[in-house]
């Protein structure tokens, strides 16, 4: 992240590269934040709490958290690339648009997974009783 901020500051010297460099820096920062967020979550869950995934609900919550972080980062990266493609070549807009589409579809798939996994959890609880 610090390198991205440094690159953006250096681009201030040459105004023609400023927008391109800022977009690249924002993209790198988004990816960095997503990686840090996933790492923070894993450290909290696995190291600090020393928690094993013993129940389906714990596994579902862990998968959901990580999947949401990745999907949001991919969607934000798509937005950055839309601005970048709009400045460089309008024909390249299809690729970031597809990235945003697939990011949205992954959230929909996560919702379907949630629905099915909660149904299975309820069935398991009913069978145990």
Protein backbone atom coordinates (compact mmCIF):
# COMPACT_ATOMS: atom_id res chain seq x y z
CA UNK A 1 0.00 0.00 0.00
CA UNK A 2 2.83 2.36 0.84
CA UNK A 3 4.43 1.73 -2.54
CA UNK A 4 1.15 2.61 -4.29
CA UNK A 5 0.91 5.88 -2.39
CA UNK A 6 4.54 6.64 -3.27
CA UNK A 7 3.90 5.92 -6.97
CA UNK A 8 0.87 8.22 -6.95
CA UNK A 9 2.92 10.98 -5.30
CA UNK A 10 5.68 10.58 -7.89
CA UNK A 11 3.10 10.81 -10.68
CA UNK A 12 2.22 14.32 -9.50
CA UNK A 13 5.44 15.49 -11.15
CA UNK A 14 4.22 14.40 -14.59
CA UNK A 15 0.55 15.30 -14.91
CA UNK A 16 -0.02 13.19 -18.05
CA UNK A 17 0.59 9.99 -16.05
CA UNK A 18 -1.33 11.11 -12.97
CA UNK A 19 -4.73 9.55 -13.67
CA UNK A 20 -3.28 6.26 -14.89
CA UNK A 21 -0.96 5.99 -11.90
CA UNK A 22 -3.71 6.87 -9.42
CA UNK A 23 -5.97 4.18 -10.90
CA UNK A 24 -3.19 1.61 -10.69
CA UNK A 25 -2.44 2.67 -7.12
CA UNK A 26 -6.09 2.39 -6.11
CA UNK A 27 -6.27 -1.09 -7.65
CA UNK A 28 -3.17 -2.20 -5.75
CA UNK A 29 -4.52 -0.75 -2.50
CA UNK A 30 -7.84 -2.59 -2.95
CA UNK A 31 -6.06 -5.89 -3.41
CA UNK A 32 -3.77 -5.15 -0.44
CA UNK A 33 -6.71 -4.37 1.82
CA UNK A 34 -8.51 -7.56 0.77
CA UNK A 35 -5.43 -9.67 1.49
CA UNK A 36 -4.93 -7.95 4.85
CA UNK A 37 -8.59 -8.42 5.75
CA UNK A 38 -8.50 -12.15 4.97
CA UNK A 39 -5.21 -12.52 6.87
CA UNK A 40 -6.64 -10.62 9.87
CA UNK A 41 -9.71 -12.83 9.90
CA UNK A 42 -7.66 -16.01 9.70
CA UNK A 43 -5.35 -14.86 12.50
CA UNK A 44 -8.33 -13.97 14.69
CA UNK A 45 -10.08 -17.28 14.06
CA UNK A 46 -7.20 -19.73 13.93
CA UNK A 47 -4.43 -18.22 16.08
CA UNK A 48 -6.09 -16.02 18.68
CA UNK A 49 -9.13 -18.19 19.33
CA UNK A 50 -7.52 -21.47 18.26
CA UNK A 51 -10.93 -22.47 16.95
CA UNK A 52 -11.56 -25.52 14.83
CA UNK A 53 -14.53 -25.72 12.52
CA UNK A 54 -16.54 -28.24 14.48
CA UNK A 55 -20.01 -27.41 13.29
CA UNK A 56 -21.49 -26.70 9.87
CA UNK A 57 -22.58 -23.22 10.99
CA UNK A 58 -18.98 -22.27 11.90
CA UNK A 59 -17.76 -23.49 8.52
CA UNK A 60 -20.54 -21.59 6.75
CA UNK A 61 -19.69 -18.38 8.58
CA UNK A 62 -15.99 -18.71 7.77
CA UNK A 63 -16.60 -19.45 4.10
CA UNK A 64 -19.08 -16.59 3.90
CA UNK A 65 -16.68 -14.07 5.43
CA UNK A 66 -13.79 -14.96 3.12
CA UNK A 67 -15.99 -15.20 0.03
CA UNK A 68 -17.58 -11.81 0.67
CA UNK A 69 -14.16 -10.17 1.05
CA UNK A 70 -12.98 -11.67 -2.23
CA UNK A 71 -16.17 -10.78 -4.10
CA UNK A 72 -16.16 -7.18 -2.89
CA UNK A 73 -12.49 -6.78 -3.79
CA UNK A 74 -13.14 -8.19 -7.27
CA UNK A 75 -16.08 -5.84 -7.77
CA UNK A 76 -14.09 -2.81 -6.65
CA UNK A 77 -11.20 -3.85 -8.88
CA UNK A 78 -13.68 -4.03 -11.77
CA UNK A 79 -14.78 -0.47 -11.06
CA UNK A 80 -11.19 0.73 -11.07
CA UNK A 81 -10.59 -1.01 -14.39
CA UNK A 82 -13.76 0.52 -15.85
CA UNK A 83 -12.35 3.99 -15.20
CA UNK A 84 -8.97 2.93 -16.54
CA UNK A 85 -10.41 1.37 -19.70
CA UNK A 86 -12.63 4.39 -20.22
CA UNK A 87 -9.55 6.61 -20.29
CA UNK A 88 -7.46 4.31 -22.51
CA UNK A 89 -9.66 2.36 -24.91
CA UNK A 90 -13.45 2.17 -24.74
CA UNK A 91 -13.39 -1.28 -26.40
CA UNK A 92 -11.71 -2.68 -23.28
CA UNK A 93 -14.75 -1.94 -21.09
CA UNK A 94 -16.12 -5.44 -21.64
CA UNK A 95 -13.47 -7.05 -19.41
CA UNK A 96 -14.07 -4.98 -16.27
CA UNK A 97 -17.81 -5.20 -16.87
CA UNK A 98 -17.49 -9.00 -16.90
CA UNK A 99 -15.44 -8.85 -13.72
CA UNK A 100 -18.21 -6.89 -11.99
CA UNK A 101 -20.85 -9.25 -13.40
CA UNK A 102 -19.03 -12.33 -12.11
CA UNK A 103 -18.41 -10.66 -8.78
CA UNK A 104 -22.15 -10.03 -8.49
CA UNK A 105 -22.93 -13.58 -9.56
CA UNK A 106 -20.56 -14.92 -6.93
CA UNK A 107 -22.54 -13.03 -4.26
CA UNK A 108 -25.76 -14.55 -5.64
CA UNK A 109 -24.15 -18.01 -5.54
CA UNK A 110 -23.08 -17.33 -1.96
CA UNK A 111 -26.70 -16.55 -1.11
CA UNK A 112 -27.79 -19.85 -2.66
CA UNK A 113 -25.10 -21.65 -0.68
CA UNK A 114 -26.32 -19.93 2.49
CA UNK A 115 -29.90 -21.01 1.81
CA UNK A 116 -28.95 -24.64 1.22
CA UNK A 117 -26.48 -24.86 4.10
CA UNK A 118 -28.96 -23.39 6.58
CA UNK A 119 -31.57 -25.89 5.38
CA UNK A 120 -29.09 -28.74 5.93
CA UNK A 121 -28.20 -27.40 9.40
CA UNK A 122 -31.87 -27.29 10.35
CA UNK A 123 -32.36 -30.85 9.05
CA UNK A 124 -29.37 -32.09 11.06
CA UNK A 125 -30.66 -30.37 14.21
CA UNK A 126 -34.12 -31.89 13.70
CA UNK A 127 -32.63 -35.37 13.21
CA UNK A 128 -30.51 -35.04 16.36
CA UNK A 129 -33.55 -34.28 18.47
